[in-house]
Each structure stands twice: as structure tokens, then as C-alpha cells.
C-alpha atoms as a PDB file:
ATOM      1  CA  UNK A   1     -97.655 -45.875-167.651  1.00  0.00           C
ATOM      2  CA  UNK A   2     -99.189 -46.783-164.325  1.00  0.00           C
ATOM      3  CA  UNK A   3    -101.099 -44.350-162.068  1.00  0.00           C
ATOM      4  CA  UNK A   4    -101.006 -45.726-158.464  1.00  0.00           C
ATOM      5  CA  UNK A   5    -102.550 -44.555-155.252  1.00  0.00           C
ATOM      6  CA  UNK A   6    -100.922 -45.978-152.057  1.00  0.00           C
ATOM      7  CA  UNK A   7    -101.798 -45.711-148.407  1.00  0.00           C
ATOM      8  CA  UNK A   8     -99.594 -43.241-146.550  1.00  0.00           C
ATOM      9  CA  UNK A   9     -97.872 -45.700-144.197  1.00  0.00           C
ATOM     10  CA  UNK A  10     -96.865 -48.038-147.176  1.00  0.00           C
ATOM     11  CA  UNK A  11     -95.067 -45.531-149.399  1.00  0.00           C
ATOM     12  CA  UNK A  12     -91.567 -46.705-148.483  1.00  0.00           C
ATOM     13  CA  UNK A  13     -92.390 -50.385-149.269  1.00  0.00           C
ATOM     14  CA  UNK A  14     -94.144 -49.483-152.570  1.00  0.00           C
ATOM     15  CA  UNK A  15     -91.071 -47.382-153.696  1.00  0.00           C
ATOM     16  CA  UNK A  16     -88.756 -50.282-152.844  1.00  0.00           C
ATOM     17  CA  UNK A  17     -90.897 -52.619-155.021  1.00  0.00           C
ATOM     18  CA  UNK A  18     -90.928 -50.078-157.956  1.00  0.00           C
ATOM     19  CA  UNK A  19     -87.157 -49.802-157.833  1.00  0.00           C
ATOM     20  CA  UNK A  20     -86.886 -53.607-158.050  1.00  0.00           C
ATOM     21  CA  UNK A  21     -89.088 -53.989-161.122  1.00  0.00           C
ATOM     22  CA  UNK A  22     -86.246 -53.000-163.415  1.00  0.00           C
ATOM     23  CA  UNK A  23     -84.678 -56.316-162.773  1.00  0.00           C
ATOM     24  CA  UNK A  24     -87.660 -58.079-164.387  1.00  0.00           C
ATOM     25  CA  UNK A  25     -86.796 -57.494-168.092  1.00  0.00           C
ATOM     26  CA  UNK A  26     -87.679 -53.809-168.425  1.00  0.00           C
ATOM     27  CA  UNK A  27     -85.398 -51.713-170.660  1.00  0.00           C
ATOM     28  CA  UNK A  28     -85.947 -48.578-168.553  1.00  0.00           C
ATOM     29  CA  UNK A  29     -88.218 -47.146-165.976  1.00  0.00           C
ATOM     30  CA  UNK A  30     -88.920 -44.188-163.674  1.00  0.00           C
ATOM     31  CA  UNK A  31     -91.522 -43.109-161.171  1.00  0.00           C
ATOM     32  CA  UNK A  32     -92.581 -39.924-159.551  1.00  0.00           C
ATOM     33  CA  UNK A  33     -94.471 -39.284-156.289  1.00  0.00           C
ATOM     34  CA  UNK A  34     -96.911 -36.642-155.282  1.00  0.00           C
ATOM     35  CA  UNK A  35     -97.425 -35.746-151.605  1.00  0.00           C
ATOM     36  CA  UNK A  36    -100.880 -37.295-151.567  1.00  0.00           C
ATOM     37  CA  UNK A  37     -99.571 -40.856-152.096  1.00  0.00           C
ATOM     38  CA  UNK A  38    -100.091 -40.918-155.833  1.00  0.00           C
ATOM     39  CA  UNK A  39     -97.353 -42.325-157.985  1.00  0.00           C
ATOM     40  CA  UNK A  40     -96.874 -42.207-161.761  1.00  0.00           C
ATOM     41  CA  UNK A  41     -94.649 -45.026-163.007  1.00  0.00           C
ATOM     42  CA  UNK A  42     -93.330 -45.229-166.554  1.00  0.00           C
ATOM     43  CA  UNK A  43     -91.571 -48.278-168.116  1.00  0.00           C
ATOM     44  CA  UNK A  44     -90.030 -48.970-171.411  1.00  0.00           C
ATOM     45  CA  UNK A  45     -90.135 -52.504-172.886  1.00  0.00           C
ATOM     46  CA  UNK A  46     -88.523 -54.045-175.938  1.00  0.00           C
ATOM     47  CA  UNK A  47     -91.942 -54.781-177.377  1.00  0.00           C
ATOM     48  CA  UNK A  48     -95.614 -55.229-176.491  1.00  0.00           C
ATOM     49  CA  UNK A  49     -95.164 -58.989-175.979  1.00  0.00           C
ATOM     50  CA  UNK A  50     -92.462 -58.492-173.391  1.00  0.00           C
ATOM     51  CA  UNK A  51     -94.698 -56.064-171.442  1.00  0.00           C
ATOM     52  CA  UNK A  52     -97.701 -58.353-171.715  1.00  0.00           C
ATOM     53  CA  UNK A  53     -95.716 -61.296-170.396  1.00  0.00           C
ATOM     54  CA  UNK A  54     -94.628 -59.215-167.480  1.00  0.00           C
ATOM     55  CA  UNK A  55     -98.170 -57.993-166.833  1.00  0.00           C
ATOM     56  CA  UNK A  56     -99.680 -61.509-167.048  1.00  0.00           C
ATOM     57  CA  UNK A  57     -97.058 -63.574-165.258  1.00  0.00           C
ATOM     58  CA  UNK A  58     -94.476 -61.593-163.334  1.00  0.00           C
ATOM     59  CA  UNK A  59     -96.499 -58.622-162.050  1.00  0.00           C
ATOM     60  CA  UNK A  60     -99.025 -60.742-160.084  1.00  0.00           C
ATOM     61  CA  UNK A  61     -96.138 -62.681-158.505  1.00  0.00           C
ATOM     62  CA  UNK A  62     -94.279 -59.443-157.683  1.00  0.00           C
ATOM     63  CA  UNK A  63     -97.436 -57.983-156.080  1.00  0.00           C
ATOM     64  CA  UNK A  64     -97.903 -61.132-153.966  1.00  0.00           C
ATOM     65  CA  UNK A  65     -94.323 -61.494-152.812  1.00  0.00           C
ATOM     66  CA  UNK A  66     -93.901 -57.779-152.022  1.00  0.00           C
ATOM     67  CA  UNK A  67     -97.078 -57.334-149.950  1.00  0.00           C
ATOM     68  CA  UNK A  68     -97.936 -54.286-152.029  1.00  0.00           C
ATOM     69  CA  UNK A  69    -101.443 -55.535-152.773  1.00  0.00           C
ATOM     70  CA  UNK A  70    -102.627 -54.691-149.308  1.00  0.00           C
ATOM     71  CA  UNK A  71    -101.190 -51.192-149.451  1.00  0.00           C
ATOM     72  CA  UNK A  72    -102.269 -50.149-152.965  1.00  0.00           C
ATOM     73  CA  UNK A  73    -105.625 -48.463-153.063  1.00  0.00           C
ATOM     74  CA  UNK A  74    -105.807 -48.192-156.901  1.00  0.00           C
ATOM     75  CA  UNK A  75    -103.658 -48.965-159.879  1.00  0.00           C
ATOM     76  CA  UNK A  76    -104.577 -47.778-163.398  1.00  0.00           C
ATOM     77  CA  UNK A  77    -102.326 -48.893-166.340  1.00  0.00           C
ATOM     78  CA  UNK A  78    -102.155 -47.604-169.912  1.00  0.00           C
ATOM     79  CA  UNK A  79     -99.967 -48.928-172.720  1.00  0.00           C
ATOM     80  CA  UNK A  80     -98.580 -46.138-174.880  1.00  0.00           C
ATOM     81  CA  UNK A  81     -96.542 -46.745-178.105  1.00  0.00           C
ATOM     82  CA  UNK A  82     -93.217 -44.914-178.139  1.00  0.00           C
ATOM     83  CA  UNK A  83     -92.743 -43.005-181.315  1.00  0.00           C
ATOM     84  CA  UNK A  84     -89.136 -42.546-182.597  1.00  0.00           C
ATOM     85  CA  UNK A  85     -89.586 -38.769-182.701  1.00  0.00           C
ATOM     86  CA  UNK A  86     -90.079 -38.785-178.861  1.00  0.00           C
ATOM     87  CA  UNK A  87     -86.722 -40.336-178.200  1.00  0.00           C
ATOM     88  CA  UNK A  88     -83.970 -38.087-176.889  1.00  0.00           C
ATOM     89  CA  UNK A  89     -80.421 -39.488-177.141  1.00  0.00           C
END
């Protein structure tokens, strides 16, 4: 889960970057937006190591190549373990 606060004039670019993250090894992901420029992004990874590899290596590169770093006011990330009882199929 990531809680992100983005400058108003950068919302479209930030959303474009979020939509492209799924091509980086994520099993699934979704994000929601509030009118005040706050986004909540959720992603599902095969395992903690896959997520950590993304966070350590790919995320910094993605932030740099997208230009999102300059438009993001704050990003707070939490890792939450998915319990089988939560899954809906």
C-alpha cells in the first residue's frame, strides 16, 4: 500500500506512471484518487522478495525516468501480508 500526495498540476502524469507499474512484475494493482491530490495505491506481489527487489531497484529508476519525483509531495509505503481468507475469487 502506498499513500501519495501529488501536486495538482501533476495528477495526469502521476496516474500515467501508476498505470505503467503493472508491467514491472506486479501480479495485480489498483489505485484510487481523492480530489485533494491524494492517491492510495495497492499492489500484489508474488512474494516479499519480489516487492523488495522492485522497491530497491526498479522504483527509483521509474521515479527518475517518469519525472514524478518533482511532482510528488509525499509517499508513505506499508507492506501488508495478504491472508488467504481475504482473497475473493
